[in-house]
N, C-alpha and C. Protein backbone atom coordinates (compact mmCIF):
# COMPACT_ATOMS: atom_id res chain seq x y z
N MET A 1 -40.41 -215.54 -80.65
CA MET A 1 -39.03 -215.75 -80.21
C MET A 1 -38.33 -216.61 -81.25
N ARG A 2 -37.17 -216.19 -81.68
CA ARG A 2 -36.35 -216.94 -82.63
C ARG A 2 -35.57 -217.99 -81.86
N VAL A 3 -35.65 -219.25 -82.28
CA VAL A 3 -34.91 -220.33 -81.64
C VAL A 3 -33.98 -220.94 -82.68
N VAL A 4 -32.72 -221.05 -82.31
CA VAL A 4 -31.71 -221.63 -83.20
C VAL A 4 -31.05 -222.78 -82.46
N ASN A 5 -30.99 -223.95 -83.11
CA ASN A 5 -30.24 -225.05 -82.50
C ASN A 5 -28.77 -224.75 -82.64
N LEU A 6 -28.05 -224.79 -81.53
CA LEU A 6 -26.65 -224.41 -81.52
C LEU A 6 -25.84 -225.52 -80.87
N PRO A 7 -24.91 -226.12 -81.61
CA PRO A 7 -24.09 -227.15 -80.99
C PRO A 7 -23.30 -226.57 -79.82
N ILE A 8 -23.23 -227.31 -78.74
CA ILE A 8 -22.53 -226.84 -77.54
C ILE A 8 -21.06 -226.56 -77.83
N ALA A 9 -20.49 -227.21 -78.83
CA ALA A 9 -19.07 -226.98 -79.14
C ALA A 9 -18.81 -225.53 -79.52
N VAL A 10 -19.78 -224.87 -80.16
CA VAL A 10 -19.58 -223.48 -80.55
C VAL A 10 -19.45 -222.60 -79.31
N LEU A 11 -20.18 -222.94 -78.26
CA LEU A 11 -20.14 -222.14 -77.04
C LEU A 11 -19.15 -222.68 -76.03
N ALA A 12 -18.39 -223.68 -76.40
CA ALA A 12 -17.44 -224.29 -75.46
C ALA A 12 -16.35 -223.31 -75.08
N LEU A 13 -15.79 -223.54 -73.91
CA LEU A 13 -14.65 -222.73 -73.48
C LEU A 13 -13.45 -223.16 -74.31
N VAL A 14 -12.75 -222.20 -74.89
CA VAL A 14 -11.68 -222.54 -75.81
C VAL A 14 -10.39 -221.86 -75.40
N GLN A 15 -9.30 -222.47 -75.80
CA GLN A 15 -7.99 -221.86 -75.66
C GLN A 15 -7.74 -221.04 -76.92
N VAL A 16 -7.32 -219.82 -76.74
CA VAL A 16 -7.09 -218.93 -77.87
C VAL A 16 -5.85 -219.38 -78.63
N SER A 17 -5.94 -219.38 -79.93
CA SER A 17 -4.78 -219.69 -80.75
C SER A 17 -4.69 -218.66 -81.86
N THR A 18 -3.61 -217.92 -81.87
CA THR A 18 -3.41 -216.89 -82.90
C THR A 18 -1.92 -216.73 -83.13
N ALA A 19 -1.57 -216.43 -84.36
CA ALA A 19 -0.16 -216.22 -84.67
C ALA A 19 0.27 -214.80 -84.34
N ASP A 20 -0.68 -213.92 -84.07
CA ASP A 20 -0.38 -212.51 -83.81
C ASP A 20 -0.06 -212.32 -82.34
N ASP A 21 1.20 -212.09 -82.04
CA ASP A 21 1.60 -211.89 -80.65
C ASP A 21 1.86 -210.43 -80.35
N SER A 22 1.23 -209.53 -81.11
CA SER A 22 1.38 -208.11 -80.80
C SER A 22 0.50 -207.77 -79.61
N LEU A 23 0.73 -206.63 -79.07
CA LEU A 23 -0.01 -206.18 -77.89
C LEU A 23 -1.24 -205.36 -78.26
N LEU A 24 -1.27 -204.84 -79.48
CA LEU A 24 -2.32 -203.92 -79.87
C LEU A 24 -3.70 -204.57 -79.83
N GLY A 25 -4.68 -203.81 -79.38
CA GLY A 25 -6.05 -204.32 -79.34
C GLY A 25 -6.61 -204.33 -77.93
N ASP A 26 -7.71 -205.06 -77.78
CA ASP A 26 -8.44 -205.15 -76.51
C ASP A 26 -8.22 -206.50 -75.86
N TRP A 27 -8.17 -206.48 -74.53
CA TRP A 27 -7.89 -207.67 -73.73
C TRP A 27 -8.84 -207.70 -72.54
N ALA A 28 -9.18 -208.89 -72.07
CA ALA A 28 -10.00 -209.04 -70.86
C ALA A 28 -9.35 -210.07 -69.96
N GLY A 29 -9.38 -209.82 -68.67
CA GLY A 29 -8.80 -210.75 -67.70
C GLY A 29 -8.62 -210.08 -66.37
N GLY A 30 -7.59 -210.50 -65.65
CA GLY A 30 -7.35 -209.89 -64.36
C GLY A 30 -6.48 -210.75 -63.46
N PHE A 31 -6.74 -210.63 -62.15
CA PHE A 31 -5.91 -211.31 -61.17
C PHE A 31 -6.69 -211.48 -59.87
N ASP A 32 -6.24 -212.44 -59.07
CA ASP A 32 -6.81 -212.64 -57.74
C ASP A 32 -6.16 -211.67 -56.77
N ASP A 33 -6.97 -211.05 -55.95
CA ASP A 33 -6.50 -210.12 -54.93
C ASP A 33 -7.09 -210.58 -53.60
N GLY A 34 -6.39 -211.51 -52.96
CA GLY A 34 -6.96 -212.11 -51.75
C GLY A 34 -8.12 -213.00 -52.15
N LYS A 35 -9.28 -212.78 -51.57
CA LYS A 35 -10.44 -213.62 -51.90
C LYS A 35 -11.25 -213.06 -53.07
N ASP A 36 -10.86 -211.90 -53.60
CA ASP A 36 -11.58 -211.27 -54.70
C ASP A 36 -10.81 -211.42 -56.01
N TYR A 37 -11.55 -211.41 -57.11
CA TYR A 37 -10.95 -211.39 -58.43
C TYR A 37 -11.13 -209.98 -58.99
N VAL A 38 -10.06 -209.38 -59.48
CA VAL A 38 -10.11 -208.05 -60.07
C VAL A 38 -10.18 -208.21 -61.58
N PHE A 39 -11.34 -207.89 -62.16
CA PHE A 39 -11.55 -208.00 -63.60
C PHE A 39 -11.21 -206.66 -64.24
N LEU A 40 -10.36 -206.71 -65.29
CA LEU A 40 -9.96 -205.51 -66.01
C LEU A 40 -10.07 -205.74 -67.51
N GLN A 41 -10.21 -204.66 -68.23
CA GLN A 41 -10.09 -204.66 -69.68
C GLN A 41 -8.93 -203.74 -70.01
N LEU A 42 -8.05 -204.20 -70.89
CA LEU A 42 -6.91 -203.41 -71.32
C LEU A 42 -7.10 -203.05 -72.79
N HIS A 43 -6.65 -201.84 -73.16
CA HIS A 43 -6.78 -201.37 -74.54
C HIS A 43 -5.43 -200.75 -74.93
N PHE A 44 -4.77 -201.35 -75.93
CA PHE A 44 -3.46 -200.88 -76.38
C PHE A 44 -3.55 -200.38 -77.81
N LYS A 45 -2.87 -199.27 -78.10
CA LYS A 45 -2.79 -198.73 -79.46
C LYS A 45 -1.39 -198.20 -79.69
N SER A 46 -1.09 -197.95 -80.95
CA SER A 46 0.22 -197.44 -81.33
C SER A 46 0.04 -196.16 -82.12
N LYS A 47 0.86 -195.17 -81.79
CA LYS A 47 0.86 -193.91 -82.54
C LYS A 47 2.30 -193.43 -82.63
N ASP A 48 2.73 -193.16 -83.85
CA ASP A 48 4.10 -192.70 -84.10
C ASP A 48 5.14 -193.64 -83.49
N GLY A 49 4.87 -194.95 -83.59
CA GLY A 49 5.81 -195.96 -83.11
C GLY A 49 5.82 -196.18 -81.61
N ARG A 50 4.96 -195.49 -80.87
CA ARG A 50 4.88 -195.66 -79.41
C ARG A 50 3.60 -196.37 -79.03
N ILE A 51 3.71 -197.32 -78.12
CA ILE A 51 2.54 -198.04 -77.62
C ILE A 51 2.04 -197.34 -76.37
N SER A 52 0.73 -197.13 -76.33
CA SER A 52 0.11 -196.57 -75.13
C SER A 52 -1.10 -197.42 -74.80
N GLY A 53 -1.64 -197.22 -73.60
CA GLY A 53 -2.78 -198.03 -73.22
C GLY A 53 -3.65 -197.38 -72.17
N THR A 54 -4.86 -197.89 -72.12
CA THR A 54 -5.80 -197.50 -71.07
C THR A 54 -6.39 -198.78 -70.49
N TYR A 55 -7.04 -198.62 -69.35
CA TYR A 55 -7.72 -199.77 -68.75
C TYR A 55 -9.09 -199.35 -68.26
N ASP A 56 -9.97 -200.34 -68.19
CA ASP A 56 -11.29 -200.18 -67.62
C ASP A 56 -11.43 -201.20 -66.50
N ALA A 57 -12.08 -200.80 -65.44
CA ALA A 57 -12.51 -201.71 -64.38
C ALA A 57 -14.03 -201.54 -64.30
N PRO A 58 -14.77 -202.15 -65.24
CA PRO A 58 -16.20 -201.86 -65.36
C PRO A 58 -17.01 -202.20 -64.11
N LEU A 59 -16.59 -203.18 -63.36
CA LEU A 59 -17.33 -203.54 -62.15
C LEU A 59 -17.11 -202.52 -61.04
N LEU A 60 -16.11 -201.65 -61.22
CA LEU A 60 -15.84 -200.55 -60.28
C LEU A 60 -16.22 -199.20 -60.91
N PHE A 61 -16.89 -199.24 -62.08
CA PHE A 61 -17.33 -198.04 -62.79
C PHE A 61 -16.17 -197.13 -63.17
N GLN A 62 -15.02 -197.73 -63.53
CA GLN A 62 -13.85 -196.98 -63.97
C GLN A 62 -13.60 -197.29 -65.44
N ARG A 63 -13.51 -196.24 -66.27
CA ARG A 63 -13.30 -196.41 -67.71
C ARG A 63 -12.25 -195.44 -68.21
N GLY A 64 -11.44 -195.91 -69.17
CA GLY A 64 -10.52 -195.04 -69.88
C GLY A 64 -9.38 -194.47 -69.06
N ARG A 65 -8.97 -195.17 -68.03
CA ARG A 65 -7.86 -194.69 -67.20
C ARG A 65 -6.53 -195.07 -67.84
N SER A 66 -5.56 -194.18 -67.75
CA SER A 66 -4.28 -194.37 -68.43
C SER A 66 -3.39 -195.39 -67.74
N LEU A 67 -2.74 -196.22 -68.59
CA LEU A 67 -1.66 -197.07 -68.13
C LEU A 67 -0.37 -196.27 -68.23
N ARG A 68 0.58 -196.53 -67.34
CA ARG A 68 1.87 -195.83 -67.39
C ARG A 68 2.96 -196.80 -67.83
N ASP A 69 3.99 -196.22 -68.41
CA ASP A 69 5.22 -196.95 -68.75
C ASP A 69 4.96 -198.24 -69.54
N VAL A 70 4.11 -198.15 -70.58
CA VAL A 70 3.84 -199.31 -71.41
C VAL A 70 5.06 -199.60 -72.28
N ALA A 71 5.55 -200.83 -72.22
CA ALA A 71 6.73 -201.20 -73.01
C ALA A 71 6.56 -202.62 -73.53
N MET A 72 7.08 -202.86 -74.74
CA MET A 72 7.09 -204.20 -75.31
C MET A 72 8.40 -204.40 -76.04
N ALA A 73 9.10 -205.48 -75.72
CA ALA A 73 10.33 -205.88 -76.40
C ALA A 73 10.17 -207.35 -76.76
N ALA A 74 10.12 -207.65 -78.07
CA ALA A 74 9.80 -208.99 -78.55
C ALA A 74 8.43 -209.35 -77.97
N SER A 75 8.32 -210.43 -77.22
CA SER A 75 7.02 -210.81 -76.66
C SER A 75 6.87 -210.38 -75.19
N GLN A 76 7.90 -209.73 -74.64
CA GLN A 76 7.86 -209.29 -73.23
C GLN A 76 7.14 -207.95 -73.11
N VAL A 77 6.24 -207.85 -72.13
CA VAL A 77 5.40 -206.67 -71.96
C VAL A 77 5.48 -206.21 -70.51
N SER A 78 5.44 -204.89 -70.32
CA SER A 78 5.32 -204.35 -68.96
C SER A 78 4.51 -203.06 -69.02
N PHE A 79 3.78 -202.81 -67.95
CA PHE A 79 3.01 -201.58 -67.81
C PHE A 79 2.64 -201.43 -66.34
N GLU A 80 2.13 -200.25 -66.02
CA GLU A 80 1.82 -199.95 -64.63
C GLU A 80 0.42 -199.32 -64.54
N ILE A 81 -0.31 -199.71 -63.51
CA ILE A 81 -1.58 -199.07 -63.18
C ILE A 81 -1.33 -198.26 -61.91
N PRO A 82 -1.47 -196.95 -62.02
CA PRO A 82 -1.22 -196.12 -60.83
C PRO A 82 -2.32 -196.34 -59.78
N THR A 83 -1.93 -196.78 -58.61
CA THR A 83 -2.85 -196.95 -57.49
C THR A 83 -2.16 -196.44 -56.24
N LYS A 84 -2.92 -196.25 -55.19
CA LYS A 84 -2.34 -195.81 -53.93
C LYS A 84 -2.51 -196.90 -52.90
N PRO A 85 -1.58 -197.16 -52.04
CA PRO A 85 -0.37 -196.38 -51.83
C PRO A 85 0.75 -196.71 -52.82
N GLU A 86 0.69 -197.89 -53.49
CA GLU A 86 1.75 -198.25 -54.43
C GLU A 86 1.15 -198.68 -55.76
N ALA A 87 1.85 -198.38 -56.85
CA ALA A 87 1.38 -198.74 -58.19
C ALA A 87 1.42 -200.26 -58.37
N ARG A 88 0.58 -200.73 -59.27
CA ARG A 88 0.58 -202.15 -59.66
C ARG A 88 1.41 -202.27 -60.93
N ARG A 89 2.51 -203.03 -60.86
CA ARG A 89 3.43 -203.21 -61.98
C ARG A 89 3.23 -204.59 -62.59
N PHE A 90 2.83 -204.64 -63.87
CA PHE A 90 2.58 -205.88 -64.58
C PHE A 90 3.77 -206.18 -65.48
N THR A 91 4.31 -207.38 -65.41
CA THR A 91 5.39 -207.81 -66.27
C THR A 91 5.04 -209.20 -66.77
N GLY A 92 5.00 -209.37 -68.10
CA GLY A 92 4.59 -210.66 -68.63
C GLY A 92 4.99 -210.87 -70.07
N GLU A 93 4.36 -211.86 -70.68
CA GLU A 93 4.68 -212.26 -72.04
C GLU A 93 3.39 -212.48 -72.82
N VAL A 94 3.39 -212.05 -74.08
CA VAL A 94 2.28 -212.31 -74.99
C VAL A 94 2.62 -213.55 -75.79
N LYS A 95 1.72 -214.55 -75.73
CA LYS A 95 1.94 -215.78 -76.47
C LYS A 95 0.58 -216.39 -76.82
N ASN A 96 0.36 -216.64 -78.09
CA ASN A 96 -0.88 -217.26 -78.56
C ASN A 96 -2.13 -216.54 -78.08
N GLY A 97 -2.12 -215.22 -78.12
CA GLY A 97 -3.29 -214.45 -77.76
C GLY A 97 -3.55 -214.32 -76.27
N VAL A 98 -2.57 -214.69 -75.47
CA VAL A 98 -2.69 -214.58 -74.01
C VAL A 98 -1.53 -213.74 -73.48
N LEU A 99 -1.83 -212.79 -72.63
CA LEU A 99 -0.83 -211.99 -71.92
C LEU A 99 -0.85 -212.46 -70.48
N ALA A 100 0.23 -213.08 -70.04
CA ALA A 100 0.29 -213.64 -68.68
C ALA A 100 1.63 -213.32 -68.07
N GLY A 101 1.63 -213.20 -66.75
CA GLY A 101 2.87 -212.91 -66.04
C GLY A 101 2.62 -212.65 -64.57
N GLN A 102 3.44 -211.76 -64.01
CA GLN A 102 3.38 -211.45 -62.58
C GLN A 102 3.05 -209.97 -62.38
N LEU A 103 2.21 -209.73 -61.40
CA LEU A 103 1.85 -208.39 -60.96
C LEU A 103 2.56 -208.16 -59.64
N LYS A 104 3.24 -207.03 -59.53
CA LYS A 104 3.92 -206.68 -58.28
C LYS A 104 3.29 -205.39 -57.74
N GLU A 105 2.86 -205.46 -56.49
CA GLU A 105 2.29 -204.30 -55.80
C GLU A 105 2.92 -204.25 -54.42
N GLY A 106 3.83 -203.29 -54.24
CA GLY A 106 4.60 -203.26 -52.99
C GLY A 106 5.45 -204.52 -52.91
N GLY A 107 5.36 -205.22 -51.79
CA GLY A 107 6.12 -206.46 -51.62
C GLY A 107 5.35 -207.70 -52.03
N THR A 108 4.16 -207.54 -52.59
CA THR A 108 3.31 -208.68 -52.96
C THR A 108 3.38 -208.93 -54.46
N GLU A 109 3.51 -210.21 -54.82
CA GLU A 109 3.46 -210.62 -56.23
C GLU A 109 2.37 -211.64 -56.40
N ARG A 110 1.69 -211.56 -57.53
CA ARG A 110 0.64 -212.52 -57.85
C ARG A 110 0.55 -212.66 -59.36
N PRO A 111 0.06 -213.81 -59.86
CA PRO A 111 -0.06 -213.99 -61.30
C PRO A 111 -1.26 -213.23 -61.87
N PHE A 112 -1.15 -212.86 -63.15
CA PHE A 112 -2.27 -212.27 -63.88
C PHE A 112 -2.38 -212.93 -65.24
N GLN A 113 -3.56 -212.79 -65.85
CA GLN A 113 -3.74 -213.30 -67.21
C GLN A 113 -4.84 -212.51 -67.91
N PHE A 114 -4.56 -212.12 -69.17
CA PHE A 114 -5.52 -211.44 -70.02
C PHE A 114 -5.58 -212.18 -71.35
N THR A 115 -6.74 -212.19 -71.98
CA THR A 115 -6.92 -212.83 -73.28
C THR A 115 -7.33 -211.77 -74.30
N ARG A 116 -6.71 -211.85 -75.48
CA ARG A 116 -7.01 -210.90 -76.56
C ARG A 116 -8.46 -211.11 -77.01
N LEU A 117 -9.16 -209.99 -77.23
CA LEU A 117 -10.55 -210.05 -77.68
C LEU A 117 -10.64 -209.75 -79.16
N ALA A 118 -11.54 -210.44 -79.82
CA ALA A 118 -11.84 -210.15 -81.22
C ALA A 118 -12.99 -209.15 -81.27
N MET A 119 -13.00 -208.35 -82.30
CA MET A 119 -14.11 -207.43 -82.49
C MET A 119 -15.23 -208.19 -83.21
N ILE A 120 -16.41 -208.15 -82.62
CA ILE A 120 -17.57 -208.79 -83.23
C ILE A 120 -18.72 -207.78 -83.25
N ARG A 121 -19.76 -208.12 -83.93
CA ARG A 121 -21.00 -207.34 -83.90
C ARG A 121 -21.97 -208.12 -83.03
N PRO A 122 -22.10 -207.75 -81.76
CA PRO A 122 -22.94 -208.53 -80.84
C PRO A 122 -24.36 -208.76 -81.34
N GLU A 123 -24.92 -207.80 -82.09
CA GLU A 123 -26.30 -207.95 -82.56
C GLU A 123 -26.46 -209.17 -83.47
N ASN A 124 -25.37 -209.66 -84.06
CA ASN A 124 -25.45 -210.85 -84.91
C ASN A 124 -25.66 -212.13 -84.11
N TYR A 125 -25.53 -212.08 -82.80
CA TYR A 125 -25.62 -213.27 -81.95
C TYR A 125 -26.85 -213.25 -81.03
N VAL A 126 -27.55 -212.14 -81.00
CA VAL A 126 -28.68 -211.98 -80.09
C VAL A 126 -29.78 -212.97 -80.45
N GLY A 127 -30.32 -213.65 -79.43
CA GLY A 127 -31.43 -214.57 -79.67
C GLY A 127 -31.49 -215.66 -78.64
N ALA A 128 -32.38 -216.58 -78.87
CA ALA A 128 -32.53 -217.76 -78.00
C ALA A 128 -31.93 -218.96 -78.72
N TYR A 129 -31.15 -219.74 -78.01
CA TYR A 129 -30.46 -220.89 -78.58
C TYR A 129 -30.80 -222.14 -77.79
N GLN A 130 -31.16 -223.21 -78.52
CA GLN A 130 -31.39 -224.50 -77.88
C GLN A 130 -30.10 -225.30 -78.01
N ILE A 131 -29.46 -225.60 -76.87
CA ILE A 131 -28.19 -226.32 -76.92
C ILE A 131 -28.37 -227.82 -76.70
N GLN A 132 -29.50 -228.20 -76.14
CA GLN A 132 -29.94 -229.60 -76.00
C GLN A 132 -31.45 -229.56 -75.94
N PRO A 133 -32.11 -230.67 -76.16
CA PRO A 133 -33.58 -230.65 -76.02
C PRO A 133 -33.98 -230.13 -74.63
N GLY A 134 -34.79 -229.09 -74.62
CA GLY A 134 -35.28 -228.52 -73.37
C GLY A 134 -34.28 -227.63 -72.64
N HIS A 135 -33.11 -227.36 -73.22
CA HIS A 135 -32.07 -226.54 -72.57
C HIS A 135 -31.80 -225.32 -73.47
N PHE A 136 -32.20 -224.14 -73.00
CA PHE A 136 -32.11 -222.92 -73.80
C PHE A 136 -31.20 -221.89 -73.15
N LEU A 137 -30.51 -221.13 -73.99
CA LEU A 137 -29.76 -219.95 -73.57
C LEU A 137 -30.36 -218.75 -74.29
N SER A 138 -30.43 -217.63 -73.59
CA SER A 138 -30.77 -216.37 -74.21
C SER A 138 -29.49 -215.55 -74.24
N ILE A 139 -29.15 -215.00 -75.41
CA ILE A 139 -27.93 -214.22 -75.56
C ILE A 139 -28.29 -212.80 -75.98
N ARG A 140 -27.64 -211.84 -75.32
CA ARG A 140 -27.83 -210.43 -75.66
C ARG A 140 -26.47 -209.75 -75.62
N ALA A 141 -26.40 -208.55 -76.18
CA ALA A 141 -25.16 -207.77 -76.15
C ALA A 141 -24.86 -207.39 -74.70
N GLY A 142 -23.62 -207.56 -74.29
CA GLY A 142 -23.18 -207.19 -72.94
C GLY A 142 -22.70 -205.75 -72.91
N VAL A 143 -23.56 -204.82 -73.20
CA VAL A 143 -23.18 -203.42 -73.37
C VAL A 143 -22.63 -202.79 -72.09
N GLU A 144 -22.98 -203.31 -70.95
CA GLU A 144 -22.50 -202.72 -69.70
C GLU A 144 -20.98 -202.81 -69.56
N LEU A 145 -20.38 -203.76 -70.26
CA LEU A 145 -18.93 -203.93 -70.17
C LEU A 145 -18.18 -203.03 -71.14
N GLY A 146 -18.87 -202.40 -72.08
CA GLY A 146 -18.22 -201.47 -72.99
C GLY A 146 -17.38 -202.12 -74.07
N ILE A 147 -17.46 -203.43 -74.20
CA ILE A 147 -16.72 -204.15 -75.24
C ILE A 147 -17.69 -205.06 -75.95
N SER A 148 -17.23 -205.71 -77.01
CA SER A 148 -18.14 -206.57 -77.78
C SER A 148 -18.24 -207.95 -77.13
N ALA A 149 -18.82 -207.98 -75.96
CA ALA A 149 -19.05 -209.24 -75.24
C ALA A 149 -20.53 -209.60 -75.33
N LEU A 150 -20.83 -210.84 -75.04
CA LEU A 150 -22.20 -211.31 -75.06
C LEU A 150 -22.60 -211.78 -73.66
N GLN A 151 -23.73 -211.35 -73.18
CA GLN A 151 -24.24 -211.83 -71.90
C GLN A 151 -25.22 -212.97 -72.21
N PHE A 152 -25.19 -214.02 -71.38
CA PHE A 152 -26.15 -215.09 -71.59
C PHE A 152 -26.86 -215.42 -70.29
N ILE A 153 -28.08 -215.91 -70.47
CA ILE A 153 -28.87 -216.45 -69.38
C ILE A 153 -29.17 -217.89 -69.73
N ASP A 154 -28.79 -218.80 -68.85
CA ASP A 154 -29.07 -220.22 -69.03
C ASP A 154 -30.38 -220.51 -68.30
N PHE A 155 -31.44 -220.80 -69.06
CA PHE A 155 -32.75 -220.98 -68.46
C PHE A 155 -32.88 -222.28 -67.68
N LYS A 156 -31.97 -223.20 -67.88
CA LYS A 156 -32.03 -224.47 -67.13
C LYS A 156 -31.40 -224.30 -65.75
N THR A 157 -30.27 -223.58 -65.68
CA THR A 157 -29.55 -223.44 -64.40
C THR A 157 -29.81 -222.11 -63.71
N GLY A 158 -30.30 -221.12 -64.46
CA GLY A 158 -30.47 -219.78 -63.90
C GLY A 158 -29.19 -218.96 -63.92
N ARG A 159 -28.13 -219.52 -64.44
CA ARG A 159 -26.83 -218.83 -64.48
C ARG A 159 -26.85 -217.66 -65.45
N VAL A 160 -26.26 -216.56 -65.04
CA VAL A 160 -26.07 -215.38 -65.89
C VAL A 160 -24.56 -215.15 -65.96
N SER A 161 -24.02 -215.03 -67.16
CA SER A 161 -22.58 -214.83 -67.30
C SER A 161 -22.30 -214.15 -68.63
N VAL A 162 -21.01 -214.09 -68.99
CA VAL A 162 -20.58 -213.37 -70.18
C VAL A 162 -19.68 -214.27 -71.03
N PHE A 163 -19.87 -214.20 -72.34
CA PHE A 163 -18.96 -214.80 -73.30
C PHE A 163 -18.10 -213.69 -73.89
N PHE A 164 -16.79 -213.89 -73.92
CA PHE A 164 -15.88 -212.94 -74.55
C PHE A 164 -15.38 -213.55 -75.85
N PRO A 165 -15.37 -212.78 -76.96
CA PRO A 165 -14.99 -213.34 -78.26
C PRO A 165 -13.48 -213.37 -78.48
N THR A 166 -13.00 -214.49 -78.98
CA THR A 166 -11.61 -214.58 -79.43
C THR A 166 -11.56 -214.66 -80.96
N SER A 167 -12.71 -214.88 -81.57
CA SER A 167 -12.90 -214.85 -83.02
C SER A 167 -14.42 -214.76 -83.23
N PRO A 168 -14.88 -214.61 -84.46
CA PRO A 168 -16.33 -214.55 -84.66
C PRO A 168 -17.07 -215.83 -84.27
N THR A 169 -16.35 -216.95 -84.11
CA THR A 169 -17.03 -218.21 -83.77
C THR A 169 -16.54 -218.84 -82.46
N ASN A 170 -15.54 -218.26 -81.81
CA ASN A 170 -15.02 -218.82 -80.56
C ASN A 170 -15.11 -217.80 -79.44
N PHE A 171 -15.55 -218.26 -78.27
CA PHE A 171 -15.74 -217.40 -77.12
C PHE A 171 -15.18 -218.09 -75.89
N PHE A 172 -14.83 -217.31 -74.89
CA PHE A 172 -14.45 -217.91 -73.62
C PHE A 172 -15.26 -217.29 -72.51
N ARG A 173 -15.44 -218.06 -71.45
CA ARG A 173 -16.11 -217.61 -70.24
C ARG A 173 -15.14 -217.93 -69.12
N ASP A 174 -14.73 -216.92 -68.41
CA ASP A 174 -13.70 -217.09 -67.40
C ASP A 174 -14.25 -216.71 -66.04
N ARG A 175 -13.65 -217.25 -65.04
CA ARG A 175 -13.95 -216.86 -63.66
C ARG A 175 -15.39 -217.10 -63.27
N PRO A 176 -15.71 -218.27 -62.75
CA PRO A 176 -17.08 -218.52 -62.35
C PRO A 176 -17.61 -217.52 -61.33
N SER A 177 -16.73 -216.81 -60.64
CA SER A 177 -17.19 -215.81 -59.67
C SER A 177 -17.90 -214.65 -60.35
N TRP A 178 -17.78 -214.52 -61.69
CA TRP A 178 -18.50 -213.46 -62.40
C TRP A 178 -19.95 -213.80 -62.57
N CYS A 179 -20.32 -215.07 -62.35
CA CYS A 179 -21.68 -215.53 -62.62
C CYS A 179 -22.57 -215.23 -61.42
N LEU A 180 -23.80 -214.90 -61.70
CA LEU A 180 -24.79 -214.67 -60.67
C LEU A 180 -25.74 -215.84 -60.67
N THR A 181 -25.92 -216.46 -59.54
CA THR A 181 -26.87 -217.55 -59.42
C THR A 181 -27.94 -217.14 -58.43
N PRO A 182 -29.18 -217.10 -58.85
CA PRO A 182 -30.22 -216.68 -57.91
C PRO A 182 -30.38 -217.72 -56.79
N SER A 183 -30.66 -217.22 -55.58
CA SER A 183 -30.88 -218.18 -54.50
C SER A 183 -32.30 -218.70 -54.59
N MET A 184 -32.41 -219.96 -54.36
CA MET A 184 -33.71 -220.63 -54.43
C MET A 184 -34.15 -221.00 -53.03
N PRO A 185 -35.42 -220.81 -52.71
CA PRO A 185 -35.88 -221.22 -51.39
C PRO A 185 -35.80 -222.73 -51.25
N PRO A 186 -35.56 -223.24 -50.00
CA PRO A 186 -35.47 -224.69 -49.83
C PRO A 186 -36.77 -225.40 -50.10
């Protein structure tokens, strides 16, 4: 087993900072829907001057579904996810690598937030890392999510979660509800 000492600062939760406020690329995030969190991945591209997009809901086994009415004017963004009985309309702003705003579904409004993802080669990060004496993380490619994310297992706490890249050296981990903690007998 390869063991690498890794300062905890490298794996710290970070605020994304980027001068690029375009919409193009991959994003991860979502919104609260009652007591549940809806995790989505957004993918935006441009062809012939038009922006289009798709979304994935990997925890619901949905991939490559089309976004409707994608529009961007300056830093303002809007798009729609067709759902029944009413579509989900997202209206927000891109700033410093974060797309945040309000989601409207019927008469209900709620906040949403997505963070721009960097493209990485997950295999470059695979291994066991010692973050403190006696405290190890195992990191592997998070291939189930279909993006360049890293899954980690914390051998001290038993926590399993995902790191999403914002650059080759910065990652974020969002929504503790995504983590699985095994139950321990009393």
